[in-house]
Amino acid sequence: MRTLAITQNITVDGSIEMLEDWFDPQAQGGADGSDHSAEAHRQAGEADALVLGRKTFEDFRGYWPEQSDDTTGITDYLNKVHKYVVSSTMTDPQWQNSTVLPGDPADEVRALKEQPGKDIVVTGSITLCHTLIGAGLVDEFRLFVYPSVQGRGRRLFPEGIEVPALKLLEAKAFRNGVTYSRYART
């Protein structure tokens, strides 16, 4: 069975909702982020599916395909990877290599996990993440922690959600001040 990994950018105080300017996917205030980018590219090479909620998908679709001078490689990756958008209202995703998953999100993602392939990644898509965590479908949590405190915003683990114990698989610090931790359910 394929690994379902939630990959999130997160503040030190646990917010994954970007309400302020703490995360810029193409530049990190002039700091050397090459080691951070290398890790993101390594992970992208291990995944062949990206699952997004409708709002995050529309945000990505409205921004990334328009980037003609993207030196990060994010645009190329997002155009090539197979994208699945969980939506009961969208019928035409209007982005290459995209498929709409109109059914129950947990059932749809469970079926994807049973197909052959590499890792499946979910990013952004806070409501979808909460659904998948609650359904017990998430195998790994890959967290890029930014040295920022927002003081508010939605969290990866909402109140009332219980997650079994997690095991730290990997931890790194990058030159730009971001840290990375990868956890698996035990």
Protein backbone atom coordinates (compact mmCIF):
# COMPACT_ATOMS: atom_id res chain seq x y z
CA MET A 1 0.00 0.00 0.00
CA ARG A 2 1.23 3.51 -0.84
CA THR A 3 2.30 5.97 1.84
CA LEU A 4 -0.02 8.93 2.38
CA ALA A 5 2.04 11.85 3.70
CA ILE A 6 0.78 15.21 4.84
CA THR A 7 3.50 17.75 4.06
CA GLN A 8 2.91 21.12 5.64
CA ASN A 9 4.64 24.42 6.16
CA ILE A 10 3.95 25.33 9.77
CA THR A 11 4.83 28.10 12.21
CA VAL A 12 6.61 27.48 15.50
CA ASP A 13 3.27 27.98 17.27
CA GLY A 14 1.59 25.33 15.13
CA SER A 15 -0.39 27.31 12.56
CA ILE A 16 -0.61 25.93 9.02
CA GLU A 17 -2.93 28.70 7.87
CA MET A 18 -0.96 31.50 6.24
CA LEU A 19 -2.58 34.63 7.64
CA GLU A 20 0.60 36.70 7.55
CA ASP A 21 3.68 36.79 5.35
CA TRP A 22 5.68 33.99 6.97
CA PHE A 23 5.97 31.70 3.95
CA ASP A 24 7.04 32.52 0.40
CA PRO A 25 7.53 29.46 -1.80
CA GLN A 26 9.92 31.19 -4.18
CA ALA A 27 12.14 33.24 -1.85
CA GLN A 28 12.99 33.26 1.82
CA GLY A 29 14.19 36.80 2.46
CA GLY A 30 17.53 36.35 0.75
CA ALA A 31 18.67 33.56 3.08
CA ASP A 32 20.42 30.59 1.49
CA GLY A 33 17.63 28.04 1.13
CA SER A 34 19.38 25.70 -1.30
CA ASP A 35 19.51 22.85 1.22
CA HIS A 36 15.81 23.39 1.99
CA SER A 37 14.98 23.33 -1.74
CA ALA A 38 17.07 20.19 -2.21
CA GLU A 39 15.01 18.42 0.46
CA ALA A 40 11.74 19.49 -1.18
CA HIS A 41 12.98 18.19 -4.54
CA ARG A 42 14.10 14.90 -2.97
CA GLN A 43 10.63 14.40 -1.54
CA ALA A 44 8.97 15.34 -4.83
CA GLY A 45 10.99 12.60 -6.52
CA GLU A 46 9.48 10.05 -4.13
CA ALA A 47 5.87 11.06 -4.85
CA ASP A 48 3.79 10.62 -7.97
CA ALA A 49 0.46 11.92 -6.67
CA LEU A 50 -0.65 15.15 -5.04
CA VAL A 51 -4.06 15.34 -3.37
CA LEU A 52 -5.55 18.77 -2.73
CA GLY A 53 -8.81 20.20 -1.52
CA ARG A 54 -10.70 22.37 -3.99
CA LYS A 55 -9.64 25.74 -2.55
CA THR A 56 -5.93 24.86 -2.38
CA PHE A 57 -6.13 23.33 -5.86
CA GLU A 58 -7.70 26.52 -7.24
CA ASP A 59 -5.05 28.65 -5.49
CA PHE A 60 -2.27 26.49 -6.97
CA ARG A 61 -3.90 26.41 -10.43
CA GLY A 62 -4.26 30.19 -10.43
CA TYR A 63 -0.63 30.80 -9.54
CA TRP A 64 1.87 28.08 -10.47
CA PRO A 65 1.12 27.48 -14.17
CA GLU A 66 1.58 31.24 -14.71
CA GLN A 67 5.16 31.24 -13.38
CA SER A 68 7.42 31.32 -16.46
CA ASP A 69 10.63 32.22 -14.62
CA ASP A 70 10.33 29.86 -11.65
CA THR A 71 13.85 28.78 -10.76
CA THR A 72 12.66 26.61 -7.84
CA GLY A 73 11.32 23.81 -10.06
CA ILE A 74 7.96 23.89 -8.29
CA THR A 75 6.09 24.88 -11.45
CA ASP A 76 7.61 22.02 -13.46
CA TYR A 77 6.82 19.52 -10.71
CA LEU A 78 3.23 20.69 -10.28
CA ASN A 79 2.57 20.62 -14.00
CA LYS A 80 3.90 17.06 -14.29
CA VAL A 81 2.70 15.33 -11.11
CA HIS A 82 -0.73 13.72 -11.13
CA LYS A 83 -3.01 15.98 -9.13
CA TYR A 84 -6.23 14.82 -7.49
CA VAL A 85 -8.67 17.48 -6.35
CA VAL A 86 -11.27 16.47 -3.78
CA SER A 87 -14.44 18.34 -4.68
CA SER A 88 -18.16 17.66 -4.89
CA THR A 89 -18.71 20.78 -7.01
CA MET A 90 -15.86 20.87 -9.55
CA THR A 91 -16.27 18.92 -12.77
CA ASP A 92 -13.39 20.16 -14.96
CA PRO A 93 -10.10 20.81 -13.15
CA GLN A 94 -8.68 22.83 -16.08
CA TRP A 95 -5.07 21.86 -15.33
CA GLN A 96 -3.07 19.13 -17.01
CA ASN A 97 -2.68 15.80 -15.20
CA SER A 98 -5.58 16.58 -12.85
CA THR A 99 -8.49 14.38 -11.79
CA VAL A 100 -11.51 15.34 -9.72
CA LEU A 101 -12.39 13.01 -6.84
CA PRO A 102 -16.10 13.73 -6.30
CA GLY A 103 -16.93 11.11 -3.67
CA ASP A 104 -16.32 10.81 0.04
CA PRO A 105 -12.77 12.13 0.60
CA ALA A 106 -11.73 9.26 2.90
CA ASP A 107 -13.04 6.62 0.49
CA GLU A 108 -11.44 8.31 -2.53
CA VAL A 109 -8.03 8.62 -0.85
CA ARG A 110 -8.22 5.09 0.57
CA ALA A 111 -8.74 3.83 -3.00
CA LEU A 112 -5.72 5.86 -4.21
CA LYS A 113 -3.57 4.32 -1.48
CA GLU A 114 -4.47 0.84 -2.76
CA GLN A 115 -3.27 1.61 -6.30
CA PRO A 116 0.34 0.93 -7.25
CA GLY A 117 2.69 3.89 -7.22
CA LYS A 118 4.93 6.09 -5.15
CA ASP A 119 4.01 8.31 -2.19
CA ILE A 120 0.83 10.36 -2.17
CA VAL A 121 1.26 13.85 -0.73
CA VAL A 122 -1.36 16.20 0.69
CA THR A 123 -0.36 19.81 1.29
CA GLY A 124 -2.32 22.90 2.28
CA SER A 125 -5.93 21.71 2.17
CA ILE A 126 -6.55 22.11 5.89
CA THR A 127 -10.11 20.73 5.93
CA LEU A 128 -9.08 17.73 3.83
CA CYS A 129 -6.12 17.09 6.14
CA HIS A 130 -8.43 17.10 9.15
CA THR A 131 -10.72 14.60 7.40
CA LEU A 132 -7.86 12.26 6.48
CA ILE A 133 -6.30 12.45 9.95
CA GLY A 134 -9.69 11.72 11.53
CA ALA A 135 -10.15 8.72 9.21
CA GLY A 136 -6.76 7.30 10.24
CA LEU A 137 -5.42 7.35 6.66
CA VAL A 138 -2.26 9.42 7.18
CA ASP A 139 0.95 7.39 7.40
CA GLU A 140 3.45 10.23 7.76
CA PHE A 141 3.55 13.89 8.78
CA ARG A 142 6.32 15.91 7.10
CA LEU A 143 6.57 19.30 8.76
CA PHE A 144 8.66 22.26 7.61
CA VAL A 145 8.69 24.54 10.65
CA TYR A 146 9.24 28.23 9.91
CA PRO A 147 10.84 30.50 12.53
CA SER A 148 7.69 32.56 12.88
CA VAL A 149 4.94 32.92 15.46
CA GLN A 150 1.55 33.87 14.10
CA GLY A 151 -0.49 33.66 17.29
CA ARG A 152 -3.60 32.47 15.48
CA GLY A 153 -4.74 30.39 12.54
CA ARG A 154 -5.92 26.86 11.97
CA ARG A 155 -3.77 24.01 13.20
CA LEU A 156 -2.85 20.71 11.57
CA PHE A 157 -4.42 18.85 14.48
CA PRO A 158 -7.69 20.51 15.43
CA GLU A 159 -9.14 20.33 18.90
CA GLY A 160 -10.82 16.99 19.50
CA ILE A 161 -8.69 14.99 17.03
CA GLU A 162 -6.61 12.29 18.64
CA VAL A 163 -3.63 10.83 16.83
CA PRO A 164 -1.90 7.70 18.04
CA ALA A 165 1.69 8.04 19.14
CA LEU A 166 4.11 9.29 16.52
CA LYS A 167 7.67 8.14 15.90
CA LEU A 168 10.31 10.62 14.73
CA LEU A 169 11.87 9.27 11.52
CA GLU A 170 14.01 12.22 10.51
CA ALA A 171 14.92 15.77 11.56
CA LYS A 172 16.98 18.45 9.82
CA ALA A 173 17.78 22.12 10.13
CA PHE A 174 18.30 24.28 7.05
CA ARG A 175 20.50 27.34 6.61
CA ASN A 176 17.44 29.61 6.14
CA GLY A 177 16.23 28.85 9.69
CA VAL A 178 13.53 26.36 8.71
CA THR A 179 13.56 22.95 10.39
CA TYR A 180 12.10 19.70 9.11
CA SER A 181 10.67 16.78 11.04
CA ARG A 182 9.18 13.61 9.60
CA TYR A 183 6.94 11.47 11.80
CA ALA A 184 5.19 8.16 11.23
CA ARG A 185 2.28 6.69 13.10
CA THR A 186 3.42 3.91 15.40
